[in-house]
N, C-alpha and C. Protein backbone atom coordinates (compact mmCIF):
# COMPACT_ATOMS: atom_id res chain seq x y z
N MET A 1 84.20 140.72 42.12
CA MET A 1 83.93 141.52 40.92
C MET A 1 84.25 140.48 39.66
N SER A 2 83.39 140.37 38.71
CA SER A 2 83.60 139.57 37.52
C SER A 2 84.33 140.52 36.39
N LYS A 3 84.82 139.85 35.41
CA LYS A 3 85.46 140.40 34.40
C LYS A 3 84.43 141.18 33.65
N THR A 4 84.76 142.58 33.08
CA THR A 4 83.81 143.38 32.34
C THR A 4 84.50 143.77 31.06
N TYR A 5 83.55 144.09 30.09
CA TYR A 5 84.17 144.39 28.77
C TYR A 5 83.47 145.64 28.18
N LYS A 6 84.20 146.48 27.66
CA LYS A 6 83.81 147.69 26.93
C LYS A 6 84.49 147.75 25.44
N LEU A 7 83.65 147.66 24.50
CA LEU A 7 84.14 147.55 23.00
C LEU A 7 83.83 148.97 22.44
N THR A 8 84.93 149.65 22.09
CA THR A 8 84.70 151.07 21.57
C THR A 8 85.15 151.12 20.05
N TYR A 9 84.20 151.74 19.31
CA TYR A 9 84.19 151.83 17.79
C TYR A 9 83.44 153.10 17.42
N PHE A 10 83.38 153.24 16.08
CA PHE A 10 82.44 154.22 15.65
C PHE A 10 81.11 153.81 15.56
N ASN A 11 80.21 154.63 15.34
CA ASN A 11 78.72 154.32 15.38
C ASN A 11 78.39 153.69 14.00
N LEU A 12 79.13 152.63 13.59
CA LEU A 12 78.74 151.87 12.32
C LEU A 12 79.16 150.43 12.56
N ARG A 13 78.84 149.53 11.78
CA ARG A 13 79.25 148.00 11.87
C ARG A 13 80.89 147.95 11.70
N GLY A 14 81.38 148.05 10.48
CA GLY A 14 82.68 147.96 10.23
C GLY A 14 83.53 146.83 10.89
N ARG A 15 84.66 147.22 11.46
CA ARG A 15 85.55 146.36 11.95
C ARG A 15 85.17 145.82 13.55
N ALA A 16 84.14 146.40 14.08
CA ALA A 16 83.74 145.79 15.31
C ALA A 16 82.60 145.02 15.27
N GLU A 17 81.93 144.77 14.20
CA GLU A 17 80.71 144.04 14.24
C GLU A 17 80.92 142.60 14.49
N ALA A 18 82.04 141.96 14.00
CA ALA A 18 82.30 140.59 14.35
C ALA A 18 82.37 140.24 15.81
N SER A 19 82.95 141.24 16.62
CA SER A 19 83.20 141.12 17.92
C SER A 19 81.74 141.37 18.63
N ARG A 20 81.00 142.33 18.19
CA ARG A 20 79.64 142.43 18.65
C ARG A 20 78.84 141.05 18.58
N TYR A 21 79.13 140.40 17.46
CA TYR A 21 78.38 139.09 17.19
C TYR A 21 78.78 138.08 18.20
N ILE A 22 80.17 138.11 18.57
CA ILE A 22 80.74 137.06 19.41
C ILE A 22 80.19 137.24 20.88
N PHE A 23 80.04 138.62 21.30
CA PHE A 23 79.41 138.91 22.60
C PHE A 23 78.03 138.35 22.50
N GLU A 24 77.38 138.59 21.47
CA GLU A 24 75.76 138.13 21.47
C GLU A 24 75.75 136.68 21.47
N ILE A 25 76.66 136.03 20.60
CA ILE A 25 76.49 134.43 20.59
C ILE A 25 76.90 133.91 21.93
N ALA A 26 77.88 134.44 22.65
CA ALA A 26 78.33 133.99 24.00
C ALA A 26 77.18 134.38 25.11
N LYS A 27 76.36 135.29 24.76
CA LYS A 27 75.40 135.89 25.71
C LYS A 27 76.10 136.50 26.88
N GLN A 28 77.16 137.28 26.54
CA GLN A 28 78.03 137.88 27.46
C GLN A 28 77.88 139.41 27.37
N PRO A 29 77.45 139.93 28.72
CA PRO A 29 77.11 141.37 28.59
C PRO A 29 78.44 142.17 28.44
N TYR A 30 78.23 143.40 27.75
CA TYR A 30 79.44 144.23 27.43
C TYR A 30 78.91 145.65 27.25
N GLU A 31 79.68 146.64 27.38
CA GLU A 31 79.28 147.99 26.91
C GLU A 31 79.84 148.33 25.58
N ASP A 32 78.89 148.54 24.78
CA ASP A 32 79.06 148.97 23.40
C ASP A 32 79.15 150.49 23.09
N GLU A 33 80.39 150.92 23.29
CA GLU A 33 80.60 152.47 23.26
C GLU A 33 80.81 152.83 21.76
N ARG A 34 80.07 153.79 21.28
CA ARG A 34 80.12 154.04 19.95
C ARG A 34 80.36 155.63 19.80
N PHE A 35 81.37 155.87 19.01
CA PHE A 35 81.63 157.33 18.74
C PHE A 35 80.85 157.74 17.54
N LYS A 36 80.05 158.89 17.66
CA LYS A 36 79.39 159.64 16.71
C LYS A 36 80.50 160.66 16.26
N PHE A 37 80.52 160.89 14.94
CA PHE A 37 81.18 162.01 14.34
C PHE A 37 80.84 162.30 13.00
N ARG A 38 81.19 163.51 12.49
CA ARG A 38 81.09 163.85 11.07
C ARG A 38 82.14 164.67 10.61
N GLU A 39 82.43 164.36 9.27
CA GLU A 39 83.43 165.05 8.71
C GLU A 39 83.20 166.29 8.19
N THR A 40 83.90 167.37 8.48
CA THR A 40 83.73 168.76 7.93
C THR A 40 84.96 169.18 7.15
N PRO A 41 84.77 170.21 6.53
CA PRO A 41 85.96 170.72 5.67
C PRO A 41 87.15 170.93 6.68
N GLY A 42 86.91 171.36 7.95
CA GLY A 42 87.82 171.64 8.76
C GLY A 42 88.38 170.49 9.67
N GLY A 43 87.91 169.33 9.35
CA GLY A 43 88.42 168.04 10.03
C GLY A 43 87.10 167.21 10.43
N ILE A 44 87.31 166.35 11.54
CA ILE A 44 86.43 165.54 12.03
C ILE A 44 85.88 166.30 13.34
N GLU A 45 84.54 166.43 13.54
CA GLU A 45 83.92 166.94 14.70
C GLU A 45 83.45 165.63 15.61
N GLY A 46 83.53 165.93 16.84
CA GLY A 46 83.08 164.91 17.78
C GLY A 46 84.13 164.60 18.89
N LYS A 47 83.83 163.54 19.59
CA LYS A 47 84.98 163.17 20.55
C LYS A 47 86.16 162.33 20.20
N TRP A 48 86.07 161.75 18.92
CA TRP A 48 87.02 160.77 18.40
C TRP A 48 88.48 161.42 18.37
N PRO A 49 88.61 162.80 17.92
CA PRO A 49 90.11 163.28 17.85
C PRO A 49 90.69 163.34 19.25
N GLU A 50 89.90 163.58 20.26
CA GLU A 50 90.57 163.73 21.63
C GLU A 50 90.86 162.38 22.08
N TYR A 51 89.88 161.38 21.76
CA TYR A 51 90.07 160.09 22.32
C TYR A 51 91.17 159.33 21.64
N LYS A 52 91.49 159.62 20.55
CA LYS A 52 92.42 158.86 19.56
C LYS A 52 93.75 158.65 20.26
N GLU A 53 94.22 159.77 21.06
CA GLU A 53 95.44 159.61 21.59
C GLU A 53 95.49 158.57 22.77
N GLU A 54 94.33 158.20 23.36
CA GLU A 54 94.29 157.28 24.43
C GLU A 54 94.25 155.78 23.95
N CYS A 55 94.06 155.59 22.58
CA CYS A 55 93.99 154.34 21.97
C CYS A 55 95.45 153.77 21.70
N THR A 56 95.40 152.49 21.89
CA THR A 56 96.59 151.59 21.49
C THR A 56 96.65 151.87 19.84
N PHE A 57 97.76 152.34 19.42
CA PHE A 57 98.10 152.53 17.99
C PHE A 57 97.22 153.59 17.39
N GLY A 58 96.41 154.30 18.24
CA GLY A 58 95.59 155.55 17.66
C GLY A 58 94.48 155.03 16.67
N GLN A 59 93.95 153.82 16.90
CA GLN A 59 92.97 153.19 16.07
C GLN A 59 91.74 152.61 16.84
N LEU A 60 90.74 152.43 16.21
CA LEU A 60 89.63 151.72 16.66
C LEU A 60 89.39 150.55 15.81
N PRO A 61 88.83 149.39 16.17
CA PRO A 61 88.17 149.20 17.55
C PRO A 61 89.29 149.05 18.63
N VAL A 62 88.83 149.09 19.97
CA VAL A 62 89.55 148.86 21.08
C VAL A 62 88.48 148.12 22.00
N LEU A 63 89.20 147.12 22.61
CA LEU A 63 88.37 146.34 23.67
C LEU A 63 89.21 146.65 25.08
N HIS A 64 88.39 147.13 25.97
CA HIS A 64 88.75 147.50 27.36
C HIS A 64 88.32 146.38 28.21
N VAL A 65 89.23 145.68 28.92
CA VAL A 65 88.93 144.54 29.78
C VAL A 65 89.32 144.85 31.23
N THR A 66 88.22 144.80 32.09
CA THR A 66 88.57 144.95 33.49
C THR A 66 88.55 143.61 34.11
N LYS A 67 89.71 143.15 34.65
CA LYS A 67 89.75 141.81 35.19
C LYS A 67 89.11 141.72 36.53
N GLU A 68 89.05 140.59 37.07
CA GLU A 68 88.46 140.24 38.40
C GLU A 68 89.28 141.11 39.49
N ASP A 69 90.53 141.35 39.44
CA ASP A 69 91.20 141.93 40.47
C ASP A 69 91.23 143.48 40.29
N GLY A 70 90.40 143.94 39.32
CA GLY A 70 90.33 145.41 39.05
C GLY A 70 91.27 146.03 38.05
N SER A 71 92.32 145.12 37.69
CA SER A 71 93.25 145.65 36.71
C SER A 71 92.67 145.79 35.42
N GLN A 72 93.22 146.63 34.50
CA GLN A 72 92.60 146.79 33.22
C GLN A 72 93.70 146.66 32.11
N ILE A 73 93.15 146.00 30.86
CA ILE A 73 93.99 145.93 29.76
C ILE A 73 93.08 146.57 28.57
N GLN A 74 93.86 146.97 27.52
CA GLN A 74 93.30 147.61 26.32
C GLN A 74 93.71 146.72 25.15
N ILE A 75 92.91 146.02 24.35
CA ILE A 75 93.29 145.23 23.26
C ILE A 75 92.89 145.93 22.01
N ALA A 76 93.79 146.09 21.12
CA ALA A 76 93.57 146.82 19.69
C ALA A 76 93.60 145.73 18.66
N GLN A 77 93.07 146.21 17.47
CA GLN A 77 93.10 145.40 16.26
C GLN A 77 91.88 144.34 16.37
N SER A 78 91.05 144.65 15.27
CA SER A 78 89.80 143.76 15.36
C SER A 78 90.05 142.19 15.31
N HIS A 79 91.10 141.68 14.49
CA HIS A 79 91.18 140.36 14.68
C HIS A 79 91.81 139.75 15.95
N ALA A 80 92.57 140.52 16.57
CA ALA A 80 93.07 140.18 17.90
C ALA A 80 92.06 140.16 18.90
N ILE A 81 91.19 141.24 18.83
CA ILE A 81 89.96 141.28 19.69
C ILE A 81 89.12 139.85 19.34
N GLU A 82 88.75 139.72 18.29
CA GLU A 82 87.90 138.51 17.88
C GLU A 82 88.49 137.21 18.54
N ARG A 83 89.76 137.10 18.21
CA ARG A 83 90.44 135.80 18.58
C ARG A 83 90.31 135.81 20.23
N TYR A 84 90.69 136.98 20.90
CA TYR A 84 90.74 136.92 22.26
C TYR A 84 89.31 136.57 22.89
N LEU A 85 88.30 137.08 22.34
CA LEU A 85 86.73 136.90 22.80
C LEU A 85 86.44 135.59 22.52
N ALA A 86 86.76 134.98 21.36
CA ALA A 86 86.47 133.72 21.09
C ALA A 86 87.04 132.70 21.89
N ARG A 87 88.31 132.83 22.30
CA ARG A 87 89.12 131.91 23.27
C ARG A 87 88.38 132.02 24.66
N SER A 88 88.16 133.43 25.01
CA SER A 88 87.63 133.65 26.36
C SER A 88 86.24 132.87 26.60
N PHE A 89 85.54 132.86 25.51
CA PHE A 89 84.07 132.36 25.65
C PHE A 89 84.01 130.90 25.14
N GLY A 90 85.05 130.27 24.88
CA GLY A 90 84.95 128.76 24.39
C GLY A 90 84.39 128.65 22.99
N LEU A 91 84.70 129.58 22.21
CA LEU A 91 84.26 129.53 20.72
C LEU A 91 85.42 129.29 19.75
N MET A 92 86.46 129.07 20.14
CA MET A 92 87.72 128.95 19.18
C MET A 92 88.11 127.44 19.02
N GLY A 93 87.20 126.42 19.19
CA GLY A 93 87.51 125.20 18.91
C GLY A 93 88.21 124.44 20.06
N ASN A 94 88.47 123.06 19.83
CA ASN A 94 89.02 122.21 20.94
C ASN A 94 90.52 121.76 20.60
N THR A 95 90.96 121.91 19.32
CA THR A 95 92.24 121.23 18.96
C THR A 95 92.96 122.49 18.21
N ASN A 96 94.12 122.29 18.00
CA ASN A 96 94.91 123.08 17.06
C ASN A 96 94.38 123.27 15.74
N GLU A 97 93.89 122.11 15.24
CA GLU A 97 93.25 122.00 13.83
C GLU A 97 91.97 122.78 13.83
N ASP A 98 91.11 122.86 14.88
CA ASP A 98 89.92 123.60 14.92
C ASP A 98 90.31 125.15 14.80
N VAL A 99 91.31 125.33 15.62
CA VAL A 99 91.76 126.88 15.68
C VAL A 99 92.24 127.22 14.29
N ALA A 100 93.14 126.36 13.69
CA ALA A 100 93.60 126.73 12.23
C ALA A 100 92.49 126.87 11.25
N LEU A 101 91.41 125.98 11.32
CA LEU A 101 90.27 126.11 10.41
C LEU A 101 89.45 127.41 10.59
N ILE A 102 89.33 127.77 11.91
CA ILE A 102 88.54 128.93 12.16
C ILE A 102 89.33 130.19 11.76
N GLU A 103 90.66 130.19 12.00
CA GLU A 103 91.39 131.36 11.57
C GLU A 103 91.46 131.42 9.99
N SER A 104 91.50 130.23 9.46
CA SER A 104 91.58 130.40 7.87
C SER A 104 90.15 131.08 7.30
N ILE A 105 89.10 130.64 7.97
CA ILE A 105 87.82 131.26 7.61
C ILE A 105 87.92 132.72 7.75
N GLN A 106 88.35 133.18 8.97
CA GLN A 106 88.42 134.57 9.32
C GLN A 106 89.15 135.36 8.25
N GLU A 107 90.44 134.73 7.85
CA GLU A 107 91.22 135.37 6.94
C GLU A 107 90.45 135.57 5.57
N SER A 108 89.80 134.40 5.15
CA SER A 108 89.15 134.38 3.97
C SER A 108 88.01 135.46 3.93
N VAL A 109 87.36 135.61 5.13
CA VAL A 109 86.32 136.68 5.08
C VAL A 109 86.90 138.10 4.87
N MET A 110 88.08 138.25 5.52
CA MET A 110 88.78 139.53 5.38
C MET A 110 89.29 139.73 3.93
N ASP A 111 89.56 138.72 3.20
CA ASP A 111 89.95 138.82 1.80
C ASP A 111 88.77 139.20 0.91
N VAL A 112 87.55 138.70 1.32
CA VAL A 112 86.37 139.07 0.50
C VAL A 112 85.95 140.56 0.82
N LYS A 113 86.08 140.99 2.15
CA LYS A 113 85.76 142.31 2.51
C LYS A 113 86.86 143.36 1.97
N THR A 114 88.10 142.98 1.73
CA THR A 114 89.09 143.86 1.09
C THR A 114 88.62 143.98 -0.31
N ALA A 115 88.40 142.79 -1.06
CA ALA A 115 88.16 142.91 -2.46
C ALA A 115 86.86 143.74 -2.59
N TYR A 116 85.74 143.64 -1.85
CA TYR A 116 84.57 144.44 -2.00
C TYR A 116 84.88 145.87 -1.87
N ASN A 117 85.61 146.16 -0.82
CA ASN A 117 85.91 147.63 -0.52
C ASN A 117 86.72 148.20 -1.68
N THR A 118 87.50 147.44 -2.29
CA THR A 118 88.40 147.85 -3.52
C THR A 118 87.48 148.21 -4.67
N VAL A 119 86.48 147.55 -4.96
CA VAL A 119 85.45 147.81 -6.05
C VAL A 119 84.32 148.43 -5.80
N LYS A 120 83.81 148.62 -4.61
CA LYS A 120 82.46 149.32 -4.39
C LYS A 120 82.37 150.57 -4.85
N GLY A 121 83.53 151.38 -5.03
CA GLY A 121 83.42 152.81 -5.40
C GLY A 121 83.69 152.85 -6.89
N LYS A 122 83.76 151.88 -7.63
CA LYS A 122 84.05 151.82 -9.12
C LYS A 122 82.78 151.69 -9.89
N ASN A 123 82.79 152.30 -10.99
CA ASN A 123 81.73 152.24 -12.03
C ASN A 123 81.87 150.98 -12.84
N ASP A 124 81.07 150.79 -13.89
CA ASP A 124 81.13 149.56 -14.72
C ASP A 124 82.33 149.43 -15.48
N GLU A 125 82.92 150.47 -15.80
CA GLU A 125 84.28 150.56 -16.41
C GLU A 125 85.55 150.40 -15.51
N GLY A 126 85.27 150.05 -14.24
CA GLY A 126 86.36 149.93 -13.34
C GLY A 126 87.07 151.30 -12.91
N GLU A 127 86.43 152.38 -13.03
CA GLU A 127 86.97 153.64 -12.63
C GLU A 127 86.30 153.97 -11.35
N MET A 128 87.02 154.81 -10.56
CA MET A 128 86.35 155.42 -9.33
C MET A 128 85.23 156.24 -9.61
N ALA A 129 84.00 156.00 -9.15
CA ALA A 129 82.85 156.81 -9.29
C ALA A 129 82.85 158.17 -8.71
């Protein structure tokens, strides 16, 4: 039995998209499990509220890895998942310096995403729209 992967996230790009790209670049098959949900005045409808308790830290994304011996692990946190996949598929560089540069780019991208998300809901005067 070979190692298998299942990436679980919501039905949107968000914090799992970089991991999906890594799977595609590595040409590695994986199961892309996506939760559909909708917010209502009474809360969130869909399977996510029940599944949340099974997740490490109660958050998504989560990567489920079934190893060759059949044992399973669950990896949480998007950057930890990305680094694990990159190392697993030989995409994390060959030296400590390569790794440091890759991680610095990853963190810079996160800074840009955070800044974008901070301002995307604001109008031209800087107030929440």
